Structure formats: structure tokens, C-alpha cells
């Protein structure tokens, strides 16, 4: 007969009330994150995938690293970079209608 893993052998005993109380609480990590949707071009996604492959990090980690890099930049350089990206990035939404 197979042995139970060590963590299953030493389960602390708890009353039913304690068990249900602990199970009904939200995990701490779920209260600290927010899911958002952003629009990226194919080129942006390809760059992100390259960075992911290099580092083994998730897409969210790549975005966090980019935010940290922006935070470490001088304010004037950061504003110039954001302005350039805003000028040359495609606009989300419906394409313009020619009349």
C-alpha cells in the first residue's frame, strides 16, 4: 500500500466551524491584484514573447519590469518616451469612416 505524503499525514485537527471559517476567506493574493485588458499590436506582443522567452517570466512580470524601468527614468525622459509612443501607436476603437 502506498504511503501518504508527509503533509497529509500531519493534518492538524480542526472543528467543522474553524474549517468552514478558514475556507470562506479570500486568499490574500486575490485582494492585491486587478485584472485589466489592454490593447497591444502584433509587434508589441512579439517583443513581449521574446522577453518572456529570454527570462522565463510571465507577461505580467514583463509589464511590471517595464513599469519599474519607467519609474527609474528621469521624468523628462519618461515624458518624452511616452509622448513618442502615443504619437506612433495605433488608436484603439473603430476605424475612421471616409465620407
C-alpha atoms as a PDB file:
ATOM      1  CA  UNK A   1       0.000   0.000   0.000  1.00  0.00           C
ATOM      2  CA  UNK A   2       1.293   3.495  -0.878  1.00  0.00           C
ATOM      3  CA  UNK A   3       2.239   5.903   1.880  1.00  0.00           C
ATOM      4  CA  UNK A   4       0.526   9.263   2.194  1.00  0.00           C
ATOM      5  CA  UNK A   5       2.702  12.313   1.649  1.00  0.00           C
ATOM      6  CA  UNK A   6       4.043  13.819   4.876  1.00  0.00           C
ATOM      7  CA  UNK A   7       1.864  16.931   4.619  1.00  0.00           C
ATOM      8  CA  UNK A   8      -1.284  14.761   4.500  1.00  0.00           C
ATOM      9  CA  UNK A   9      -0.241  12.603   7.435  1.00  0.00           C
ATOM     10  CA  UNK A  10       0.179  15.542   9.826  1.00  0.00           C
ATOM     11  CA  UNK A  11      -3.112  17.353   9.219  1.00  0.00           C
ATOM     12  CA  UNK A  12      -3.977  19.474  12.259  1.00  0.00           C
ATOM     13  CA  UNK A  13      -7.391  18.657  13.663  1.00  0.00           C
ATOM     14  CA  UNK A  14      -9.919  21.479  13.481  1.00  0.00           C
ATOM     15  CA  UNK A  15     -13.546  21.782  14.268  1.00  0.00           C
ATOM     16  CA  UNK A  16     -16.049  21.985  11.460  1.00  0.00           C
ATOM     17  CA  UNK A  17     -16.708  25.633  12.319  1.00  0.00           C
ATOM     18  CA  UNK A  18     -12.968  26.520  12.055  1.00  0.00           C
ATOM     19  CA  UNK A  19     -12.646  24.622   8.786  1.00  0.00           C
ATOM     20  CA  UNK A  20     -15.608  26.399   7.165  1.00  0.00           C
ATOM     21  CA  UNK A  21     -14.472  29.770   8.514  1.00  0.00           C
ATOM     22  CA  UNK A  22     -10.997  29.363   7.025  1.00  0.00           C
ATOM     23  CA  UNK A  23     -12.349  28.087   3.705  1.00  0.00           C
ATOM     24  CA  UNK A  24     -14.699  31.039   3.264  1.00  0.00           C
ATOM     25  CA  UNK A  25     -11.924  33.669   3.463  1.00  0.00           C
ATOM     26  CA  UNK A  26     -10.485  35.143   0.296  1.00  0.00           C
ATOM     27  CA  UNK A  27      -6.817  34.385  -0.282  1.00  0.00           C
ATOM     28  CA  UNK A  28      -4.572  37.364   0.393  1.00  0.00           C
ATOM     29  CA  UNK A  29      -3.164  37.383  -3.143  1.00  0.00           C
ATOM     30  CA  UNK A  30      -6.638  37.741  -4.699  1.00  0.00           C
ATOM     31  CA  UNK A  31      -7.215  41.025  -2.897  1.00  0.00           C
ATOM     32  CA  UNK A  32      -3.927  42.530  -4.090  1.00  0.00           C
ATOM     33  CA  UNK A  33      -4.258  42.130  -7.875  1.00  0.00           C
ATOM     34  CA  UNK A  34      -6.632  43.502 -10.508  1.00  0.00           C
ATOM     35  CA  UNK A  35      -7.292  42.016 -13.929  1.00  0.00           C
ATOM     36  CA  UNK A  36      -7.173  44.570 -16.765  1.00  0.00           C
ATOM     37  CA  UNK A  37      -7.415  44.364 -20.546  1.00  0.00           C
ATOM     38  CA  UNK A  38      -5.033  46.353 -22.728  1.00  0.00           C
ATOM     39  CA  UNK A  39      -4.737  46.585 -26.487  1.00  0.00           C
ATOM     40  CA  UNK A  40      -1.351  45.686 -27.989  1.00  0.00           C
ATOM     41  CA  UNK A  41      -0.152  45.470 -31.577  1.00  0.00           C
ATOM     42  CA  UNK A  42       1.259  42.260 -33.035  1.00  0.00           C
ATOM     43  CA  UNK A  43       4.734  43.796 -32.818  1.00  0.00           C
ATOM     44  CA  UNK A  44       4.238  44.583 -29.118  1.00  0.00           C
ATOM     45  CA  UNK A  45       3.144  41.018 -28.454  1.00  0.00           C
ATOM     46  CA  UNK A  46       6.126  39.615 -30.372  1.00  0.00           C
ATOM     47  CA  UNK A  47       8.509  41.773 -28.324  1.00  0.00           C
ATOM     48  CA  UNK A  48       6.808  40.638 -25.145  1.00  0.00           C
ATOM     49  CA  UNK A  49       7.129  36.980 -26.175  1.00  0.00           C
ATOM     50  CA  UNK A  50      10.842  37.477 -26.893  1.00  0.00           C
ATOM     51  CA  UNK A  51      11.359  38.979 -23.428  1.00  0.00           C
ATOM     52  CA  UNK A  52       9.324  36.140 -21.911  1.00  0.00           C
ATOM     53  CA  UNK A  53      11.440  33.524 -23.686  1.00  0.00           C
ATOM     54  CA  UNK A  54      14.677  35.224 -22.572  1.00  0.00           C
ATOM     55  CA  UNK A  55      13.723  35.451 -18.937  1.00  0.00           C
ATOM     56  CA  UNK A  56      11.130  32.732 -18.385  1.00  0.00           C
ATOM     57  CA  UNK A  57       8.863  35.410 -16.889  1.00  0.00           C
ATOM     58  CA  UNK A  58       5.144  35.861 -17.408  1.00  0.00           C
ATOM     59  CA  UNK A  59       3.627  38.656 -19.480  1.00  0.00           C
ATOM     60  CA  UNK A  60       2.540  40.389 -16.268  1.00  0.00           C
ATOM     61  CA  UNK A  61       6.128  40.242 -14.974  1.00  0.00           C
ATOM     62  CA  UNK A  62       7.377  41.826 -18.210  1.00  0.00           C
ATOM     63  CA  UNK A  63       4.862  44.675 -17.834  1.00  0.00           C
ATOM     64  CA  UNK A  64       5.887  45.120 -14.176  1.00  0.00           C
ATOM     65  CA  UNK A  65       9.559  45.260 -15.213  1.00  0.00           C
ATOM     66  CA  UNK A  66       8.734  47.890 -17.865  1.00  0.00           C
ATOM     67  CA  UNK A  67       6.877  49.957 -15.260  1.00  0.00           C
ATOM     68  CA  UNK A  68       9.862  49.683 -12.914  1.00  0.00           C
ATOM     69  CA  UNK A  69      12.192  50.810 -15.732  1.00  0.00           C
ATOM     70  CA  UNK A  70       9.913  53.793 -16.439  1.00  0.00           C
ATOM     71  CA  UNK A  71       9.853  54.636 -12.754  1.00  0.00           C
ATOM     72  CA  UNK A  72      13.665  54.652 -12.625  1.00  0.00           C
ATOM     73  CA  UNK A  73      13.954  57.029 -15.618  1.00  0.00           C
ATOM     74  CA  UNK A  74      14.225  60.787 -15.168  1.00  0.00           C
ATOM     75  CA  UNK A  75      10.848  62.481 -15.513  1.00  0.00           C
ATOM     76  CA  UNK A  76      11.779  64.412 -18.667  1.00  0.00           C
ATOM     77  CA  UNK A  77      12.966  61.252 -20.475  1.00  0.00           C
ATOM     78  CA  UNK A  78       9.894  59.340 -19.349  1.00  0.00           C
ATOM     79  CA  UNK A  79       7.530  62.051 -20.641  1.00  0.00           C
ATOM     80  CA  UNK A  80       9.377  62.199 -23.972  1.00  0.00           C
ATOM     81  CA  UNK A  81       9.215  58.419 -24.367  1.00  0.00           C
ATOM     82  CA  UNK A  82       5.506  58.258 -23.540  1.00  0.00           C
ATOM     83  CA  UNK A  83       4.821  61.120 -25.955  1.00  0.00           C
ATOM     84  CA  UNK A  84       6.665  59.307 -28.773  1.00  0.00           C
ATOM     85  CA  UNK A  85       4.826  56.063 -28.097  1.00  0.00           C
ATOM     86  CA  UNK A  86       1.484  57.859 -28.020  1.00  0.00           C
ATOM     87  CA  UNK A  87       2.182  59.605 -31.363  1.00  0.00           C
ATOM     88  CA  UNK A  88       3.099  56.456 -33.254  1.00  0.00           C
ATOM     89  CA  UNK A  89       0.822  53.860 -31.683  1.00  0.00           C
ATOM     90  CA  UNK A  90      -2.393  52.833 -33.414  1.00  0.00           C
ATOM     91  CA  UNK A  91      -5.550  54.130 -31.813  1.00  0.00           C
ATOM     92  CA  UNK A  92      -7.952  51.609 -30.357  1.00  0.00           C
ATOM     93  CA  UNK A  93     -11.563  51.674 -31.474  1.00  0.00           C
ATOM     94  CA  UNK A  94     -13.389  51.754 -34.734  1.00  0.00           C
ATOM     95  CA  UNK A  95     -11.527  52.738 -37.895  1.00  0.00           C
ATOM     96  CA  UNK A  96     -12.352  56.177 -39.303  1.00  0.00           C
ATOM     97  CA  UNK A  97     -15.185  56.346 -41.829  1.00  0.00           C
ATOM     98  CA  UNK A  98     -14.394  58.064 -45.137  1.00  0.00           C
ATOM     99  CA  UNK A  99     -17.220  60.324 -46.267  1.00  0.00           C
END
